[in-house]
């Protein structure tokens, strides 16, 4: 099986690493709270699966799901009730990083720069 390496693929690797950090964060940072730990594991596994899937077979919906996962990680402390804990800071920090990387990947995927060889059609007309 041959994989086509896209320029955005490195961002999927970063998200994969952030997902792994999220999975092991309850042990690394010693927060053993029930709901926060389960959320970290679930969010981390989701990120790892999405990122690994994007590396193997790129799909446009992956970036959107990664962005939603990052936004969930930011909102989870308030929704699930582990505000003002170490787990909250980890969840928000990782969520911000994931959301930023996913948004950057979306921008890089859908943004097509203008061809520098073509003259700008909307530019000013030269003097005769």
N, C-alpha and C. Protein backbone atom coordinates (compact mmCIF):
# COMPACT_ATOMS: atom_id res chain seq x y z
N UNK A 1 0.85 -1.18 0.00
CA UNK A 1 0.00 0.00 0.00
C UNK A 1 0.90 1.24 0.00
N UNK A 2 0.68 2.13 -0.91
CA UNK A 2 1.46 3.35 -1.01
C UNK A 2 0.66 4.52 -0.47
N UNK A 3 1.29 5.26 0.43
CA UNK A 3 0.64 6.44 0.98
C UNK A 3 1.17 7.67 0.27
N UNK A 4 0.26 8.57 -0.06
CA UNK A 4 0.67 9.83 -0.65
C UNK A 4 0.84 10.84 0.48
N UNK A 5 2.04 11.34 0.64
CA UNK A 5 2.33 12.28 1.71
C UNK A 5 1.93 13.68 1.27
N UNK A 6 0.98 14.26 1.96
CA UNK A 6 0.55 15.63 1.67
C UNK A 6 1.36 16.58 2.55
N UNK A 7 1.40 17.83 2.17
CA UNK A 7 2.16 18.79 2.98
C UNK A 7 1.50 18.98 4.34
N UNK A 8 0.19 18.70 4.44
CA UNK A 8 -0.53 18.85 5.70
C UNK A 8 -0.40 17.62 6.59
N UNK A 9 0.20 16.55 6.10
CA UNK A 9 0.28 15.30 6.86
C UNK A 9 1.06 15.45 8.16
N UNK A 10 2.02 16.33 8.19
CA UNK A 10 2.78 16.53 9.42
C UNK A 10 1.86 17.06 10.53
N UNK A 11 0.84 17.80 10.18
CA UNK A 11 -0.11 18.28 11.19
C UNK A 11 -0.91 17.13 11.78
N UNK A 12 -1.19 16.11 10.96
CA UNK A 12 -1.86 14.92 11.48
C UNK A 12 -0.95 14.18 12.47
N UNK A 13 0.34 14.18 12.20
CA UNK A 13 1.29 13.57 13.15
C UNK A 13 1.28 14.33 14.47
N UNK A 14 1.24 15.66 14.42
CA UNK A 14 1.18 16.46 15.64
C UNK A 14 -0.08 16.15 16.43
N UNK A 15 -1.22 16.04 15.74
CA UNK A 15 -2.47 15.72 16.42
C UNK A 15 -2.42 14.31 17.01
N UNK A 16 -1.77 13.39 16.33
CA UNK A 16 -1.62 12.04 16.85
C UNK A 16 -0.83 12.06 18.16
N UNK A 17 0.26 12.81 18.18
CA UNK A 17 1.08 12.93 19.39
C UNK A 17 0.28 13.60 20.52
N UNK A 18 -0.49 14.65 20.19
CA UNK A 18 -1.32 15.29 21.21
C UNK A 18 -2.37 14.32 21.74
N UNK A 19 -2.91 13.48 20.89
CA UNK A 19 -3.86 12.46 21.34
C UNK A 19 -3.21 11.47 22.31
N UNK A 20 -1.99 11.05 22.00
CA UNK A 20 -1.27 10.16 22.90
C UNK A 20 -0.97 10.83 24.23
N UNK A 21 -0.60 12.11 24.20
CA UNK A 21 -0.36 12.86 25.43
C UNK A 21 -1.64 12.94 26.25
N UNK A 22 -2.75 13.15 25.56
CA UNK A 22 -4.05 13.22 26.24
C UNK A 22 -4.38 11.89 26.92
N UNK A 23 -4.07 10.78 26.27
CA UNK A 23 -4.35 9.46 26.85
C UNK A 23 -3.54 9.22 28.11
N UNK A 24 -2.27 9.59 28.09
CA UNK A 24 -1.41 9.32 29.25
C UNK A 24 -1.39 10.46 30.28
N UNK A 25 -2.05 11.57 29.99
CA UNK A 25 -2.01 12.71 30.90
C UNK A 25 -2.55 12.43 32.30
N UNK A 26 -3.57 11.58 32.50
CA UNK A 26 -3.98 11.31 33.89
C UNK A 26 -2.86 10.71 34.73
N UNK A 27 -1.99 9.90 34.13
CA UNK A 27 -0.88 9.33 34.88
C UNK A 27 0.29 10.30 34.97
N UNK A 28 0.59 10.96 33.86
CA UNK A 28 1.73 11.88 33.85
C UNK A 28 1.53 13.05 34.82
N UNK A 29 0.32 13.56 34.87
CA UNK A 29 0.07 14.76 35.66
C UNK A 29 -0.73 14.48 36.92
N UNK A 30 -0.88 13.22 37.26
CA UNK A 30 -1.46 12.77 38.52
C UNK A 30 -2.83 13.36 38.82
N UNK A 31 -3.72 13.31 37.85
CA UNK A 31 -5.11 13.60 38.18
C UNK A 31 -5.91 12.34 37.90
N UNK A 32 -6.41 11.76 38.97
CA UNK A 32 -7.08 10.47 38.84
C UNK A 32 -8.59 10.60 38.99
N UNK A 33 -9.11 11.83 38.87
CA UNK A 33 -10.56 12.04 38.97
C UNK A 33 -11.32 11.25 37.92
N UNK A 34 -12.46 10.69 38.29
CA UNK A 34 -13.22 9.80 37.44
C UNK A 34 -13.59 10.35 36.08
N UNK A 35 -14.42 11.39 36.05
CA UNK A 35 -14.93 11.88 34.77
C UNK A 35 -13.84 12.56 33.94
N UNK A 36 -12.92 13.23 34.59
CA UNK A 36 -11.83 13.89 33.86
C UNK A 36 -10.92 12.86 33.21
N UNK A 37 -10.67 11.77 33.92
CA UNK A 37 -9.80 10.72 33.38
C UNK A 37 -10.46 10.04 32.18
N UNK A 38 -11.74 9.72 32.30
CA UNK A 38 -12.46 9.08 31.20
C UNK A 38 -12.53 10.01 29.99
N UNK A 39 -12.75 11.30 30.24
CA UNK A 39 -12.79 12.26 29.13
C UNK A 39 -11.43 12.36 28.44
N UNK A 40 -10.36 12.36 29.23
CA UNK A 40 -9.01 12.42 28.63
C UNK A 40 -8.75 11.18 27.78
N UNK A 41 -9.12 10.03 28.28
CA UNK A 41 -8.92 8.80 27.50
C UNK A 41 -9.75 8.83 26.22
N UNK A 42 -11.03 9.17 26.35
CA UNK A 42 -11.92 9.16 25.18
C UNK A 42 -11.48 10.19 24.14
N UNK A 43 -11.14 11.40 24.58
CA UNK A 43 -10.69 12.44 23.65
C UNK A 43 -9.38 12.04 23.00
N UNK A 44 -8.47 11.46 23.77
CA UNK A 44 -7.18 11.04 23.22
C UNK A 44 -7.33 9.93 22.20
N UNK A 45 -8.16 8.93 22.51
CA UNK A 45 -8.37 7.83 21.57
C UNK A 45 -9.02 8.36 20.29
N UNK A 46 -9.99 9.25 20.42
CA UNK A 46 -10.62 9.84 19.24
C UNK A 46 -9.59 10.56 18.37
N UNK A 47 -8.72 11.36 18.99
CA UNK A 47 -7.69 12.09 18.23
C UNK A 47 -6.72 11.13 17.55
N UNK A 48 -6.31 10.09 18.25
CA UNK A 48 -5.38 9.13 17.67
C UNK A 48 -6.02 8.43 16.46
N UNK A 49 -7.28 8.01 16.62
CA UNK A 49 -7.96 7.33 15.51
C UNK A 49 -8.16 8.26 14.32
N UNK A 50 -8.58 9.50 14.57
CA UNK A 50 -8.78 10.45 13.48
C UNK A 50 -7.46 10.75 12.76
N UNK A 51 -6.41 10.98 13.53
CA UNK A 51 -5.12 11.34 12.94
C UNK A 51 -4.51 10.17 12.18
N UNK A 52 -4.57 8.99 12.75
CA UNK A 52 -4.04 7.81 12.07
C UNK A 52 -4.84 7.54 10.80
N UNK A 53 -6.15 7.69 10.89
CA UNK A 53 -6.98 7.51 9.70
C UNK A 53 -6.65 8.51 8.61
N UNK A 54 -6.39 9.75 9.00
CA UNK A 54 -6.06 10.78 8.02
C UNK A 54 -4.70 10.51 7.37
N UNK A 55 -3.78 9.91 8.11
CA UNK A 55 -2.48 9.59 7.53
C UNK A 55 -2.59 8.45 6.53
N UNK A 56 -3.46 7.49 6.80
CA UNK A 56 -3.60 6.33 5.92
C UNK A 56 -4.46 6.65 4.71
N UNK A 57 -5.62 7.25 4.95
CA UNK A 57 -6.55 7.56 3.86
C UNK A 57 -7.17 8.92 4.14
N UNK A 58 -6.67 9.94 3.48
CA UNK A 58 -7.13 11.30 3.72
C UNK A 58 -8.60 11.46 3.37
N UNK A 59 -9.33 12.13 4.26
CA UNK A 59 -10.73 12.47 4.01
C UNK A 59 -10.94 13.90 4.51
N UNK A 60 -11.71 14.66 3.76
CA UNK A 60 -11.90 16.07 4.11
C UNK A 60 -12.62 16.26 5.43
N UNK A 61 -13.45 15.32 5.83
CA UNK A 61 -14.22 15.48 7.06
C UNK A 61 -13.35 15.30 8.31
N UNK A 62 -12.17 14.73 8.17
CA UNK A 62 -11.31 14.48 9.33
C UNK A 62 -10.91 15.77 10.03
N UNK A 63 -10.58 16.80 9.25
CA UNK A 63 -10.17 18.06 9.87
C UNK A 63 -11.30 18.67 10.68
N UNK A 64 -12.52 18.56 10.13
CA UNK A 64 -13.68 19.13 10.84
C UNK A 64 -13.93 18.39 12.15
N UNK A 65 -13.80 17.06 12.14
CA UNK A 65 -13.98 16.30 13.37
C UNK A 65 -12.87 16.60 14.37
N UNK A 66 -11.66 16.80 13.89
CA UNK A 66 -10.56 17.16 14.78
C UNK A 66 -10.80 18.53 15.41
N UNK A 67 -11.30 19.46 14.61
CA UNK A 67 -11.62 20.79 15.14
C UNK A 67 -12.71 20.68 16.22
N UNK A 68 -13.73 19.88 15.95
CA UNK A 68 -14.79 19.68 16.95
C UNK A 68 -14.25 19.00 18.21
N UNK A 69 -13.34 18.05 18.04
CA UNK A 69 -12.74 17.40 19.20
C UNK A 69 -11.94 18.40 20.04
N UNK A 70 -11.19 19.27 19.38
CA UNK A 70 -10.45 20.30 20.11
C UNK A 70 -11.37 21.26 20.85
N UNK A 71 -12.45 21.66 20.20
CA UNK A 71 -13.42 22.55 20.85
C UNK A 71 -14.11 21.84 22.02
N UNK A 72 -14.38 20.54 21.86
CA UNK A 72 -14.96 19.77 22.97
C UNK A 72 -14.00 19.76 24.16
N UNK A 73 -12.72 19.55 23.90
CA UNK A 73 -11.74 19.50 24.98
C UNK A 73 -11.67 20.83 25.72
N UNK A 74 -11.91 21.92 25.02
CA UNK A 74 -11.93 23.23 25.67
C UNK A 74 -13.17 23.38 26.55
N UNK A 75 -14.31 22.90 26.07
CA UNK A 75 -15.57 23.06 26.79
C UNK A 75 -15.81 21.98 27.84
N UNK A 76 -15.16 20.84 27.74
CA UNK A 76 -15.43 19.69 28.60
C UNK A 76 -15.37 19.98 30.10
N UNK A 77 -14.42 20.75 30.60
CA UNK A 77 -14.39 20.98 32.05
C UNK A 77 -15.69 21.58 32.59
N UNK A 78 -16.30 22.46 31.84
CA UNK A 78 -17.54 23.08 32.29
C UNK A 78 -18.73 22.16 32.07
N UNK A 79 -18.73 21.45 30.95
CA UNK A 79 -19.85 20.55 30.65
C UNK A 79 -19.86 19.36 31.60
N UNK A 80 -18.69 18.81 31.88
CA UNK A 80 -18.60 17.60 32.71
C UNK A 80 -18.34 17.88 34.18
N UNK A 81 -18.03 19.12 34.53
CA UNK A 81 -17.90 19.51 35.93
C UNK A 81 -16.57 19.24 36.59
N UNK A 82 -15.48 19.39 35.87
CA UNK A 82 -14.17 19.32 36.54
C UNK A 82 -13.41 20.63 36.40
N UNK A 83 -14.13 21.72 36.71
CA UNK A 83 -13.57 23.06 36.65
C UNK A 83 -12.63 23.27 37.84
N UNK A 84 -11.61 24.11 37.65
CA UNK A 84 -10.62 24.48 38.66
C UNK A 84 -9.83 23.28 39.18
N UNK A 85 -9.46 22.41 38.25
CA UNK A 85 -8.61 21.27 38.57
C UNK A 85 -7.44 21.25 37.60
N UNK A 86 -6.47 20.43 37.91
CA UNK A 86 -5.34 20.26 37.00
C UNK A 86 -5.82 19.68 35.67
N UNK A 87 -6.81 18.81 35.73
CA UNK A 87 -7.36 18.20 34.51
C UNK A 87 -7.98 19.27 33.60
N UNK A 88 -8.57 20.30 34.20
CA UNK A 88 -9.14 21.38 33.39
C UNK A 88 -8.06 22.08 32.58
N UNK A 89 -6.95 22.38 33.21
CA UNK A 89 -5.86 23.08 32.52
C UNK A 89 -5.28 22.23 31.39
N UNK A 90 -5.13 20.94 31.64
CA UNK A 90 -4.62 20.03 30.61
C UNK A 90 -5.60 19.94 29.45
N UNK A 91 -6.88 19.78 29.77
CA UNK A 91 -7.89 19.65 28.74
C UNK A 91 -7.97 20.91 27.87
N UNK A 92 -7.96 22.07 28.49
CA UNK A 92 -8.04 23.32 27.74
C UNK A 92 -6.77 23.53 26.91
N UNK A 93 -5.61 23.28 27.49
CA UNK A 93 -4.36 23.45 26.76
C UNK A 93 -4.26 22.55 25.54
N UNK A 94 -4.54 21.26 25.74
CA UNK A 94 -4.50 20.33 24.61
C UNK A 94 -5.60 20.66 23.60
N UNK A 95 -6.77 21.06 24.08
CA UNK A 95 -7.86 21.42 23.18
C UNK A 95 -7.52 22.62 22.31
N UNK A 96 -6.88 23.62 22.91
CA UNK A 96 -6.45 24.79 22.12
C UNK A 96 -5.44 24.38 21.05
N UNK A 97 -4.49 23.53 21.42
CA UNK A 97 -3.48 23.09 20.45
C UNK A 97 -4.12 22.29 19.33
N UNK A 98 -5.04 21.38 19.67
CA UNK A 98 -5.70 20.55 18.65
C UNK A 98 -6.57 21.42 17.74
N UNK A 99 -7.34 22.34 18.33
CA UNK A 99 -8.20 23.21 17.52
C UNK A 99 -7.38 24.09 16.60
N UNK A 100 -6.25 24.61 17.09
CA UNK A 100 -5.39 25.45 16.25
C UNK A 100 -4.82 24.64 15.09
N UNK A 101 -4.31 23.45 15.38
CA UNK A 101 -3.72 22.62 14.32
C UNK A 101 -4.79 22.21 13.31
N UNK A 102 -5.98 21.86 13.78
CA UNK A 102 -7.05 21.47 12.86
C UNK A 102 -7.48 22.65 11.99
N UNK A 103 -7.59 23.83 12.59
CA UNK A 103 -7.95 25.02 11.81
C UNK A 103 -6.86 25.35 10.79
N UNK A 104 -5.61 25.21 11.19
CA UNK A 104 -4.51 25.44 10.26
C UNK A 104 -4.56 24.43 9.11
N UNK A 105 -4.85 23.18 9.42
CA UNK A 105 -4.95 22.16 8.38
C UNK A 105 -6.12 22.45 7.44
N UNK A 106 -7.23 22.90 7.98
CA UNK A 106 -8.36 23.29 7.13
C UNK A 106 -7.97 24.43 6.21
N UNK A 107 -7.28 25.42 6.75
CA UNK A 107 -6.87 26.57 5.94
C UNK A 107 -5.91 26.13 4.84
N UNK A 108 -4.94 25.31 5.19
CA UNK A 108 -3.97 24.84 4.19
C UNK A 108 -4.61 23.94 3.14
N UNK A 109 -5.62 23.18 3.53
CA UNK A 109 -6.27 22.27 2.60
C UNK A 109 -7.16 23.01 1.61
N UNK A 110 -7.90 24.01 2.09
CA UNK A 110 -8.88 24.67 1.23
C UNK A 110 -8.40 25.98 0.62
N UNK A 111 -7.31 26.54 1.12
CA UNK A 111 -6.80 27.79 0.58
C UNK A 111 -5.95 27.49 -0.64
N UNK A 112 -6.26 28.11 -1.74
CA UNK A 112 -5.46 27.96 -2.95
C UNK A 112 -4.90 29.32 -3.31
N UNK A 113 -3.60 29.52 -3.16
CA UNK A 113 -3.03 30.82 -3.49
C UNK A 113 -3.15 31.12 -4.98
N UNK A 114 -3.22 32.40 -5.27
CA UNK A 114 -3.30 32.81 -6.67
C UNK A 114 -2.01 32.44 -7.38
N UNK A 115 -2.14 32.13 -8.65
CA UNK A 115 -0.97 31.80 -9.45
C UNK A 115 -0.18 33.09 -9.69
N UNK A 116 1.06 33.09 -9.30
CA UNK A 116 1.88 34.29 -9.42
C UNK A 116 2.19 34.63 -10.88
N UNK A 117 2.06 33.65 -11.79
CA UNK A 117 2.38 33.90 -13.18
C UNK A 117 1.29 34.71 -13.89
N UNK A 118 0.06 34.59 -13.41
CA UNK A 118 -1.03 35.32 -14.05
C UNK A 118 -1.09 36.74 -13.52
N UNK A 119 -1.34 37.72 -14.38
CA UNK A 119 -1.51 39.08 -13.90
C UNK A 119 -2.83 39.19 -13.15
N UNK A 120 -2.87 40.10 -12.20
CA UNK A 120 -4.08 40.30 -11.43
C UNK A 120 -5.12 41.00 -12.31
N UNK A 121 -6.28 40.39 -12.39
CA UNK A 121 -7.32 40.91 -13.26
C UNK A 121 -8.01 42.13 -12.66
N UNK A 122 -8.02 42.20 -11.33
CA UNK A 122 -8.71 43.31 -10.70
C UNK A 122 -7.75 44.47 -10.39
N UNK A 123 -6.52 44.36 -10.79
CA UNK A 123 -5.53 45.38 -10.50
C UNK A 123 -5.72 46.64 -11.31
N UNK A 124 -4.97 47.67 -11.01
CA UNK A 124 -5.09 48.94 -11.76
C UNK A 124 -4.61 48.79 -13.20
N UNK A 125 -5.20 49.59 -14.06
CA UNK A 125 -4.83 49.57 -15.47
C UNK A 125 -3.63 50.50 -15.64
N UNK A 126 -2.62 50.02 -16.42
CA UNK A 126 -1.42 50.84 -16.63
C UNK A 126 -1.70 52.05 -17.49
N UNK A 127 -0.87 53.08 -17.38
CA UNK A 127 -1.02 54.29 -18.18
C UNK A 127 -0.45 54.08 -19.57
N UNK A 128 -1.06 54.72 -20.57
CA UNK A 128 -0.60 54.59 -21.94
C UNK A 128 0.34 55.68 -22.34
